[in-house]
Amino acid sequence: GGGGLMGVHGTSVAFTHWPGAIEDWPEFGRMLGARGANHRESTEPIFIRRDDPGHPLTRTFGNQSFEYRDEFFRFQEVYSRNRVRVLLSIDTAKTSFEGQPRGNCIREDNDYALAWVRQYGRGRVFYSTIAHNPYVFWDPKMLAFYLAATQFALGDLAAPTLPSGKLTPALRA
């Protein structure tokens, strides 16, 4: 039972007043798992790490981190690995952060999640920031990722949602 929410890119600033993305429905941000839209260049080069290698939504990407260009949002408040199951994040060891920041793009914990799933009540939530540029949707691997995410949100694909911060080595195995 329960429904699904599938959010991409600017969904993290939905239900806000403009200018300035002023919060007007705090529960939406808690449900989605993040708020805001701080980013660098719209074609920023980064390396993407698969945080959850066995997860059904990320199988299309293989096991190695890979370089990608898009407008990647960095989240501050609300986002936490104790609330969401991180699927993809910025591989900070391989990425040299360049370009002009638009907003606060620095996290003290160096944790830059790009996509995740979670359970919210009886519903399923998927979010990914990788969706700014049209070429994202010409990429066969990204299309496979978004198809799996759609199936998950609809309840047609079972996928673990236990938050990353609560995963023990035994649970990972």
N, C-alpha and C. Protein backbone atom coordinates (compact mmCIF):
# COMPACT_ATOMS: atom_id res chain seq x y z
N GLY A 1 0.81 -1.20 0.00
CA GLY A 1 0.00 0.00 0.00
C GLY A 1 0.85 1.25 0.00
N GLY A 2 0.17 2.37 -0.03
CA GLY A 2 0.86 3.66 -0.03
C GLY A 2 1.22 4.10 -1.43
N GLY A 3 1.41 5.37 -1.61
CA GLY A 3 1.75 5.92 -2.92
C GLY A 3 3.23 6.20 -3.04
N GLY A 4 3.60 6.87 -4.12
CA GLY A 4 4.99 7.17 -4.35
C GLY A 4 5.19 8.61 -4.78
N LEU A 5 6.36 9.15 -4.44
CA LEU A 5 6.77 10.48 -4.87
C LEU A 5 8.08 10.33 -5.62
N MET A 6 8.11 10.86 -6.84
CA MET A 6 9.34 10.84 -7.63
C MET A 6 9.73 12.28 -7.90
N GLY A 7 10.85 12.69 -7.35
CA GLY A 7 11.32 14.05 -7.53
C GLY A 7 12.63 14.09 -8.28
N VAL A 8 12.75 15.04 -9.22
CA VAL A 8 14.01 15.24 -9.93
C VAL A 8 14.37 16.72 -9.90
N HIS A 9 15.65 16.97 -9.72
CA HIS A 9 16.26 18.30 -9.78
C HIS A 9 15.47 19.34 -8.98
N GLY A 10 14.75 20.23 -9.63
CA GLY A 10 14.11 21.36 -8.96
C GLY A 10 12.98 21.03 -8.01
N THR A 11 12.63 19.75 -7.92
CA THR A 11 11.61 19.35 -6.94
C THR A 11 12.04 19.79 -5.53
N SER A 12 13.35 19.92 -5.32
CA SER A 12 13.85 20.31 -3.99
C SER A 12 13.52 21.76 -3.63
N VAL A 13 12.98 22.52 -4.57
CA VAL A 13 12.51 23.87 -4.27
C VAL A 13 11.02 24.03 -4.57
N ALA A 14 10.31 22.92 -4.76
CA ALA A 14 8.87 22.98 -4.96
C ALA A 14 8.19 23.43 -3.68
N PHE A 15 7.00 23.99 -3.80
CA PHE A 15 6.22 24.47 -2.66
C PHE A 15 7.00 25.49 -1.84
N THR A 16 7.57 26.47 -2.53
CA THR A 16 8.25 27.60 -1.88
C THR A 16 7.78 28.89 -2.56
N HIS A 17 7.99 30.01 -1.88
CA HIS A 17 7.68 31.32 -2.45
C HIS A 17 8.92 31.90 -3.11
N TRP A 18 8.74 32.53 -4.28
CA TRP A 18 9.84 33.16 -4.99
C TRP A 18 9.65 34.67 -4.98
N PRO A 19 10.74 35.46 -5.07
CA PRO A 19 12.12 34.99 -5.18
C PRO A 19 12.67 34.46 -3.85
N GLY A 20 13.68 33.63 -3.97
CA GLY A 20 14.42 33.18 -2.81
C GLY A 20 14.07 31.79 -2.30
N ALA A 21 13.10 31.11 -2.91
CA ALA A 21 12.71 29.76 -2.47
C ALA A 21 12.43 29.73 -0.97
N ILE A 22 11.56 30.62 -0.51
CA ILE A 22 11.22 30.72 0.91
C ILE A 22 10.25 29.59 1.27
N GLU A 23 10.62 28.82 2.25
CA GLU A 23 9.86 27.63 2.66
C GLU A 23 8.43 27.98 3.02
N ASP A 24 7.47 27.22 2.46
CA ASP A 24 6.09 27.41 2.90
C ASP A 24 5.36 26.10 3.19
N TRP A 25 6.07 24.96 3.06
CA TRP A 25 5.50 23.67 3.44
C TRP A 25 6.63 22.78 3.95
N PRO A 26 7.08 22.98 5.20
CA PRO A 26 8.25 22.25 5.71
C PRO A 26 8.12 20.73 5.60
N GLU A 27 6.91 20.20 5.72
CA GLU A 27 6.77 18.74 5.66
C GLU A 27 7.18 18.18 4.30
N PHE A 28 6.99 18.96 3.23
CA PHE A 28 7.38 18.48 1.91
C PHE A 28 8.88 18.20 1.86
N GLY A 29 9.69 19.12 2.40
CA GLY A 29 11.14 18.92 2.42
C GLY A 29 11.53 17.71 3.24
N ARG A 30 10.84 17.50 4.37
CA ARG A 30 11.13 16.31 5.19
C ARG A 30 10.76 15.04 4.43
N MET A 31 9.65 15.09 3.71
CA MET A 31 9.22 13.92 2.93
C MET A 31 10.21 13.63 1.80
N LEU A 32 10.59 14.66 1.06
CA LEU A 32 11.51 14.49 -0.06
C LEU A 32 12.90 14.08 0.42
N GLY A 33 13.33 14.66 1.54
CA GLY A 33 14.65 14.35 2.08
C GLY A 33 15.66 15.47 1.91
N ALA A 34 15.26 16.58 1.29
CA ALA A 34 16.19 17.71 1.12
C ALA A 34 15.42 18.95 0.68
N ARG A 35 16.07 20.09 0.85
CA ARG A 35 15.56 21.38 0.41
C ARG A 35 16.70 22.18 -0.19
N GLY A 36 16.38 23.03 -1.16
CA GLY A 36 17.37 23.96 -1.69
C GLY A 36 17.85 23.61 -3.09
N ALA A 37 18.72 24.48 -3.62
CA ALA A 37 19.22 24.30 -4.98
C ALA A 37 20.59 24.93 -5.16
N ASN A 38 21.46 24.83 -4.16
CA ASN A 38 22.81 25.38 -4.28
C ASN A 38 23.60 24.52 -5.28
N HIS A 39 24.33 25.18 -6.18
CA HIS A 39 25.06 24.43 -7.21
C HIS A 39 26.20 25.26 -7.76
N ARG A 40 27.03 24.61 -8.55
CA ARG A 40 28.08 25.30 -9.30
C ARG A 40 27.61 25.41 -10.75
N GLU A 41 28.52 25.24 -11.73
CA GLU A 41 28.15 25.38 -13.15
C GLU A 41 27.07 24.37 -13.53
N SER A 42 26.30 24.69 -14.57
CA SER A 42 25.23 23.79 -15.00
C SER A 42 25.76 22.57 -15.76
N THR A 43 27.05 22.59 -16.10
CA THR A 43 27.70 21.42 -16.72
C THR A 43 28.94 21.04 -15.91
N GLU A 44 28.85 21.17 -14.59
CA GLU A 44 29.98 20.87 -13.71
C GLU A 44 30.43 19.41 -13.88
N PRO A 45 31.74 19.18 -14.09
CA PRO A 45 32.23 17.81 -14.17
C PRO A 45 32.50 17.25 -12.76
N ILE A 46 31.90 16.12 -12.46
CA ILE A 46 32.16 15.44 -11.19
C ILE A 46 32.30 13.94 -11.44
N PHE A 47 32.77 13.22 -10.44
CA PHE A 47 32.73 11.77 -10.47
C PHE A 47 31.60 11.31 -9.55
N ILE A 48 30.78 10.42 -10.05
CA ILE A 48 29.65 9.89 -9.30
C ILE A 48 30.01 8.53 -8.72
N ARG A 49 29.77 8.39 -7.41
CA ARG A 49 30.01 7.12 -6.71
C ARG A 49 28.68 6.41 -6.53
N ARG A 50 28.69 5.11 -6.74
CA ARG A 50 27.52 4.27 -6.44
C ARG A 50 27.63 3.88 -4.98
N ASP A 51 26.82 4.49 -4.13
CA ASP A 51 26.92 4.27 -2.68
C ASP A 51 26.39 2.92 -2.24
N ASP A 52 25.46 2.39 -3.00
CA ASP A 52 24.76 1.17 -2.60
C ASP A 52 24.85 0.18 -3.77
N PRO A 53 26.02 -0.48 -3.92
CA PRO A 53 26.31 -1.25 -5.14
C PRO A 53 25.27 -2.32 -5.50
N GLY A 54 24.62 -2.93 -4.52
CA GLY A 54 23.67 -3.98 -4.84
C GLY A 54 22.26 -3.49 -5.08
N HIS A 55 22.04 -2.19 -5.01
CA HIS A 55 20.67 -1.66 -5.07
C HIS A 55 20.09 -1.81 -6.47
N PRO A 56 18.83 -2.28 -6.57
CA PRO A 56 18.21 -2.50 -7.89
C PRO A 56 18.12 -1.25 -8.76
N LEU A 57 18.08 -0.07 -8.16
CA LEU A 57 17.94 1.15 -8.97
C LEU A 57 19.25 1.56 -9.64
N THR A 58 20.41 1.12 -9.10
CA THR A 58 21.68 1.63 -9.62
C THR A 58 22.50 0.59 -10.38
N ARG A 59 21.94 -0.57 -10.62
CA ARG A 59 22.70 -1.64 -11.31
C ARG A 59 23.20 -1.21 -12.68
N THR A 60 22.46 -0.36 -13.35
CA THR A 60 22.81 0.08 -14.70
C THR A 60 24.18 0.76 -14.78
N PHE A 61 24.67 1.28 -13.65
CA PHE A 61 25.92 2.06 -13.67
C PHE A 61 27.18 1.24 -13.46
N GLY A 62 27.07 -0.07 -13.21
CA GLY A 62 28.26 -0.86 -12.95
C GLY A 62 28.83 -0.55 -11.58
N ASN A 63 30.07 -0.95 -11.32
CA ASN A 63 30.63 -0.83 -9.97
C ASN A 63 31.62 0.32 -9.80
N GLN A 64 32.10 0.88 -10.90
CA GLN A 64 33.11 1.93 -10.79
C GLN A 64 32.44 3.30 -10.73
N SER A 65 33.12 4.26 -10.06
CA SER A 65 32.62 5.63 -10.14
C SER A 65 32.83 6.10 -11.58
N PHE A 66 32.02 7.06 -12.01
CA PHE A 66 32.08 7.49 -13.41
C PHE A 66 31.92 9.01 -13.46
N GLU A 67 32.54 9.61 -14.48
CA GLU A 67 32.47 11.06 -14.64
C GLU A 67 31.16 11.43 -15.31
N TYR A 68 30.60 12.56 -14.86
CA TYR A 68 29.34 13.04 -15.43
C TYR A 68 29.30 14.55 -15.32
N ARG A 69 28.53 15.18 -16.21
CA ARG A 69 28.36 16.64 -16.19
C ARG A 69 26.88 16.98 -16.08
N ASP A 70 26.55 17.80 -15.11
CA ASP A 70 25.19 18.30 -14.98
C ASP A 70 25.23 19.41 -13.93
N GLU A 71 24.07 19.92 -13.57
CA GLU A 71 23.96 20.91 -12.50
C GLU A 71 23.57 20.13 -11.24
N PHE A 72 24.55 19.90 -10.37
CA PHE A 72 24.36 19.06 -9.20
C PHE A 72 24.08 19.90 -7.96
N PHE A 73 22.90 19.73 -7.40
CA PHE A 73 22.53 20.47 -6.19
C PHE A 73 23.26 19.91 -4.97
N ARG A 74 23.64 20.82 -4.06
CA ARG A 74 24.22 20.46 -2.76
C ARG A 74 23.22 20.86 -1.69
N PHE A 75 22.92 19.93 -0.82
CA PHE A 75 21.88 20.15 0.18
C PHE A 75 22.48 20.37 1.55
N GLN A 76 21.81 21.19 2.34
CA GLN A 76 22.24 21.47 3.70
C GLN A 76 21.24 20.86 4.68
N GLU A 77 20.36 21.68 5.23
CA GLU A 77 19.41 21.20 6.25
C GLU A 77 18.41 20.21 5.66
N VAL A 78 17.79 19.46 6.49
CA VAL A 78 16.83 18.41 6.19
C VAL A 78 17.54 17.14 5.72
N TYR A 79 18.42 17.24 4.71
CA TYR A 79 19.11 16.05 4.20
C TYR A 79 19.93 15.39 5.31
N SER A 80 19.80 14.07 5.41
CA SER A 80 20.61 13.29 6.34
C SER A 80 20.59 11.82 5.93
N ARG A 81 21.75 11.18 6.01
CA ARG A 81 21.82 9.74 5.73
C ARG A 81 21.06 8.93 6.78
N ASN A 82 20.68 9.56 7.88
CA ASN A 82 19.85 8.85 8.86
C ASN A 82 18.39 8.80 8.45
N ARG A 83 18.03 9.53 7.37
CA ARG A 83 16.65 9.54 6.90
C ARG A 83 16.47 8.97 5.49
N VAL A 84 17.54 8.95 4.69
CA VAL A 84 17.42 8.49 3.30
C VAL A 84 18.45 7.41 2.99
N ARG A 85 18.13 6.58 2.00
CA ARG A 85 19.05 5.55 1.50
C ARG A 85 19.74 6.14 0.28
N VAL A 86 21.01 6.56 0.45
CA VAL A 86 21.74 7.21 -0.63
C VAL A 86 22.14 6.19 -1.69
N LEU A 87 21.81 6.50 -2.94
CA LEU A 87 22.14 5.63 -4.07
C LEU A 87 23.39 6.11 -4.79
N LEU A 88 23.45 7.42 -5.04
CA LEU A 88 24.57 8.03 -5.76
C LEU A 88 25.02 9.28 -5.00
N SER A 89 26.32 9.53 -5.01
CA SER A 89 26.85 10.75 -4.39
C SER A 89 28.10 11.19 -5.16
N ILE A 90 28.55 12.39 -4.84
CA ILE A 90 29.78 12.88 -5.47
C ILE A 90 30.96 12.16 -4.85
N ASP A 91 31.80 11.57 -5.71
CA ASP A 91 33.04 10.93 -5.27
C ASP A 91 34.06 12.05 -5.03
N THR A 92 34.12 12.51 -3.79
CA THR A 92 34.93 13.69 -3.47
C THR A 92 36.44 13.42 -3.63
N ALA A 93 36.86 12.16 -3.55
CA ALA A 93 38.28 11.85 -3.71
C ALA A 93 38.73 12.07 -5.15
N LYS A 94 37.82 11.93 -6.11
CA LYS A 94 38.18 12.04 -7.53
C LYS A 94 37.74 13.36 -8.15
N THR A 95 36.90 14.13 -7.44
CA THR A 95 36.32 15.35 -8.01
C THR A 95 37.05 16.58 -7.49
N SER A 96 37.47 17.45 -8.42
CA SER A 96 38.04 18.74 -8.02
C SER A 96 36.95 19.78 -8.21
N PHE A 97 36.45 20.31 -7.11
CA PHE A 97 35.33 21.25 -7.17
C PHE A 97 35.79 22.56 -7.78
N GLU A 98 35.25 22.86 -8.95
CA GLU A 98 35.61 24.07 -9.68
C GLU A 98 34.36 24.85 -10.02
N GLY A 99 34.55 26.09 -10.42
CA GLY A 99 33.40 26.89 -10.86
C GLY A 99 32.84 27.71 -9.73
N GLN A 100 32.09 28.70 -10.12
CA GLN A 100 31.51 29.65 -9.18
C GLN A 100 30.35 29.02 -8.41
N PRO A 101 30.43 28.99 -7.06
CA PRO A 101 29.27 28.47 -6.32
C PRO A 101 28.10 29.43 -6.33
N ARG A 102 26.91 28.88 -6.46
CA ARG A 102 25.67 29.66 -6.35
C ARG A 102 24.98 29.17 -5.08
N GLY A 103 25.20 29.90 -4.00
CA GLY A 103 24.72 29.45 -2.70
C GLY A 103 25.79 28.65 -1.98
N ASN A 104 25.45 28.12 -0.83
CA ASN A 104 26.40 27.37 -0.01
C ASN A 104 26.56 25.96 -0.56
N CYS A 105 27.72 25.69 -1.17
CA CYS A 105 27.99 24.39 -1.80
C CYS A 105 28.92 23.51 -0.96
N ILE A 106 29.22 23.95 0.27
CA ILE A 106 30.17 23.22 1.11
C ILE A 106 29.45 22.57 2.29
N ARG A 107 29.72 21.29 2.50
CA ARG A 107 29.23 20.58 3.68
C ARG A 107 30.42 20.18 4.53
N GLU A 108 30.34 20.42 5.82
CA GLU A 108 31.42 20.07 6.73
C GLU A 108 31.74 18.58 6.68
N ASP A 109 30.70 17.74 6.49
CA ASP A 109 30.91 16.29 6.49
C ASP A 109 31.29 15.74 5.11
N ASN A 110 31.41 16.63 4.10
CA ASN A 110 31.84 16.22 2.76
C ASN A 110 30.88 15.20 2.13
N ASP A 111 29.61 15.23 2.50
CA ASP A 111 28.62 14.25 2.04
C ASP A 111 27.68 14.94 1.05
N TYR A 112 27.87 14.62 -0.23
CA TYR A 112 27.08 15.26 -1.29
C TYR A 112 26.25 14.22 -2.03
N ALA A 113 25.12 13.87 -1.46
CA ALA A 113 24.23 12.89 -2.08
C ALA A 113 23.61 13.47 -3.34
N LEU A 114 23.47 12.64 -4.36
CA LEU A 114 22.87 13.05 -5.63
C LEU A 114 21.53 12.38 -5.88
N ALA A 115 21.33 11.19 -5.33
CA ALA A 115 20.09 10.45 -5.53
C ALA A 115 19.87 9.52 -4.34
N TRP A 116 18.60 9.34 -3.97
CA TRP A 116 18.27 8.47 -2.85
C TRP A 116 16.85 7.97 -2.93
N VAL A 117 16.54 7.00 -2.08
CA VAL A 117 15.18 6.53 -1.87
C VAL A 117 14.90 6.58 -0.38
N ARG A 118 13.63 6.56 -0.04
CA ARG A 118 13.25 6.48 1.37
C ARG A 118 11.80 6.04 1.48
N GLN A 119 11.46 5.62 2.66
CA GLN A 119 10.09 5.33 3.01
C GLN A 119 9.58 6.56 3.76
N TYR A 120 8.36 6.98 3.47
CA TYR A 120 7.75 8.08 4.22
C TYR A 120 6.33 7.66 4.54
N GLY A 121 6.10 7.32 5.79
CA GLY A 121 4.82 6.72 6.15
C GLY A 121 4.69 5.42 5.38
N ARG A 122 3.59 5.26 4.65
CA ARG A 122 3.40 4.07 3.83
C ARG A 122 3.83 4.29 2.40
N GLY A 123 4.39 5.47 2.10
CA GLY A 123 4.76 5.80 0.73
C GLY A 123 6.23 5.64 0.44
N ARG A 124 6.55 5.56 -0.84
CA ARG A 124 7.92 5.43 -1.34
C ARG A 124 8.34 6.76 -1.95
N VAL A 125 9.56 7.18 -1.67
CA VAL A 125 10.09 8.44 -2.19
C VAL A 125 11.39 8.16 -2.94
N PHE A 126 11.52 8.75 -4.12
CA PHE A 126 12.76 8.74 -4.89
C PHE A 126 13.09 10.19 -5.22
N TYR A 127 14.38 10.55 -5.13
CA TYR A 127 14.82 11.87 -5.57
C TYR A 127 16.18 11.73 -6.24
N SER A 128 16.39 12.50 -7.31
CA SER A 128 17.70 12.63 -7.93
C SER A 128 17.87 14.06 -8.44
N THR A 129 19.02 14.65 -8.18
CA THR A 129 19.31 15.99 -8.69
C THR A 129 19.79 15.95 -10.14
N ILE A 130 20.14 14.76 -10.65
CA ILE A 130 20.74 14.66 -11.99
C ILE A 130 19.63 14.73 -13.04
N ALA A 131 19.25 15.95 -13.43
CA ALA A 131 18.13 16.09 -14.38
C ALA A 131 18.03 17.50 -14.93
N HIS A 132 19.10 18.26 -14.90
CA HIS A 132 19.02 19.66 -15.36
C HIS A 132 19.10 19.76 -16.88
N ASN A 133 20.08 19.10 -17.47
CA ASN A 133 20.34 19.24 -18.90
C ASN A 133 19.59 18.19 -19.72
N PRO A 134 19.10 18.59 -20.92
CA PRO A 134 18.35 17.63 -21.75
C PRO A 134 19.12 16.35 -22.06
N TYR A 135 20.46 16.44 -22.22
CA TYR A 135 21.22 15.24 -22.58
C TYR A 135 21.17 14.15 -21.53
N VAL A 136 20.83 14.49 -20.28
CA VAL A 136 20.67 13.46 -19.25
C VAL A 136 19.63 12.44 -19.72
N PHE A 137 18.60 12.92 -20.40
CA PHE A 137 17.50 12.06 -20.81
C PHE A 137 17.70 11.43 -22.18
N TRP A 138 18.91 11.59 -22.74
CA TRP A 138 19.31 10.86 -23.94
C TRP A 138 20.31 9.77 -23.57
N ASP A 139 20.70 9.73 -22.30
CA ASP A 139 21.72 8.80 -21.83
C ASP A 139 21.04 7.47 -21.45
N PRO A 140 21.36 6.39 -22.16
CA PRO A 140 20.69 5.10 -21.90
C PRO A 140 20.80 4.63 -20.44
N LYS A 141 21.95 4.88 -19.80
CA LYS A 141 22.09 4.45 -18.40
C LYS A 141 21.21 5.28 -17.47
N MET A 142 21.14 6.59 -17.73
CA MET A 142 20.27 7.43 -16.90
C MET A 142 18.80 7.08 -17.15
N LEU A 143 18.45 6.77 -18.39
CA LEU A 143 17.07 6.37 -18.68
C LEU A 143 16.72 5.07 -17.95
N ALA A 144 17.65 4.12 -17.91
CA ALA A 144 17.42 2.87 -17.18
C ALA A 144 17.27 3.15 -15.68
N PHE A 145 18.08 4.07 -15.17
CA PHE A 145 18.01 4.47 -13.76
C PHE A 145 16.64 5.08 -13.45
N TYR A 146 16.19 6.00 -14.30
CA TYR A 146 14.91 6.66 -14.06
C TYR A 146 13.72 5.71 -14.28
N LEU A 147 13.87 4.75 -15.18
CA LEU A 147 12.81 3.75 -15.34
C LEU A 147 12.68 2.92 -14.06
N ALA A 148 13.81 2.46 -13.53
CA ALA A 148 13.78 1.69 -12.28
C ALA A 148 13.20 2.54 -11.15
N ALA A 149 13.57 3.83 -11.11
CA ALA A 149 13.05 4.73 -10.07
C ALA A 149 11.54 4.89 -10.19
N THR A 150 11.05 4.99 -11.42
CA THR A 150 9.60 5.10 -11.66
C THR A 150 8.89 3.84 -11.19
N GLN A 151 9.46 2.69 -11.53
CA GLN A 151 8.87 1.42 -11.09
C GLN A 151 8.86 1.32 -9.57
N PHE A 152 9.93 1.78 -8.93
CA PHE A 152 10.00 1.79 -7.46
C PHE A 152 8.91 2.70 -6.89
N ALA A 153 8.81 3.93 -7.41
CA ALA A 153 7.83 4.89 -6.88
C ALA A 153 6.41 4.37 -7.05
N LEU A 154 6.16 3.65 -8.13
CA LEU A 154 4.82 3.10 -8.38
C LEU A 154 4.53 1.85 -7.54
N GLY A 155 5.58 1.27 -6.94
CA GLY A 155 5.39 0.06 -6.16
C GLY A 155 5.57 -1.21 -6.97
N ASP A 156 6.07 -1.10 -8.21
CA ASP A 156 6.26 -2.27 -9.08
C ASP A 156 7.66 -2.86 -8.99
N LEU A 157 8.56 -2.22 -8.27
CA LEU A 157 9.92 -2.73 -8.10
C LEU A 157 10.29 -2.64 -6.63
N ALA A 158 10.51 -3.76 -6.01
CA ALA A 158 10.92 -3.77 -4.60
C ALA A 158 12.36 -3.31 -4.50
N ALA A 159 12.64 -2.43 -3.54
CA ALA A 159 14.00 -1.93 -3.35
C ALA A 159 14.15 -1.52 -1.90
N PRO A 160 15.31 -1.80 -1.28
CA PRO A 160 15.51 -1.45 0.13
C PRO A 160 15.54 0.05 0.34
N THR A 161 14.93 0.49 1.46
CA THR A 161 14.88 1.92 1.78
C THR A 161 15.43 2.22 3.17
N LEU A 162 15.95 1.22 3.87
CA LEU A 162 16.53 1.48 5.19
C LEU A 162 17.59 2.57 5.04
N PRO A 163 17.53 3.64 5.84
CA PRO A 163 18.48 4.75 5.66
C PRO A 163 19.95 4.31 5.74
N SER A 164 20.78 4.91 4.90
CA SER A 164 22.21 4.57 4.84
C SER A 164 22.88 4.66 6.19
N GLY A 165 22.51 5.69 6.98
CA GLY A 165 23.14 5.89 8.28
C GLY A 165 22.79 4.82 9.30
N LYS A 166 21.80 4.01 8.99
CA LYS A 166 21.38 2.95 9.92
C LYS A 166 21.83 1.57 9.46
N LEU A 167 22.56 1.52 8.32
CA LEU A 167 23.03 0.25 7.82
C LEU A 167 24.28 -0.20 8.57
N THR A 168 24.22 -1.36 9.15
CA THR A 168 25.39 -1.96 9.80
C THR A 168 26.06 -2.89 8.80
N PRO A 169 27.30 -3.29 9.03
CA PRO A 169 27.93 -4.25 8.10
C PRO A 169 27.10 -5.53 7.93
N ALA A 170 26.49 -6.00 9.00
CA ALA A 170 25.67 -7.21 8.91
C ALA A 170 24.45 -6.98 8.02
N LEU A 171 23.80 -5.83 8.16
CA LEU A 171 22.64 -5.53 7.32
C LEU A 171 23.04 -5.36 5.86
N ARG A 172 24.23 -4.77 5.63
CA ARG A 172 24.70 -4.61 4.25
C ARG A 172 24.90 -5.96 3.59
N ALA A 173 25.39 -6.94 4.36
CA ALA A 173 25.64 -8.28 3.80
C ALA A 173 24.31 -8.96 3.52
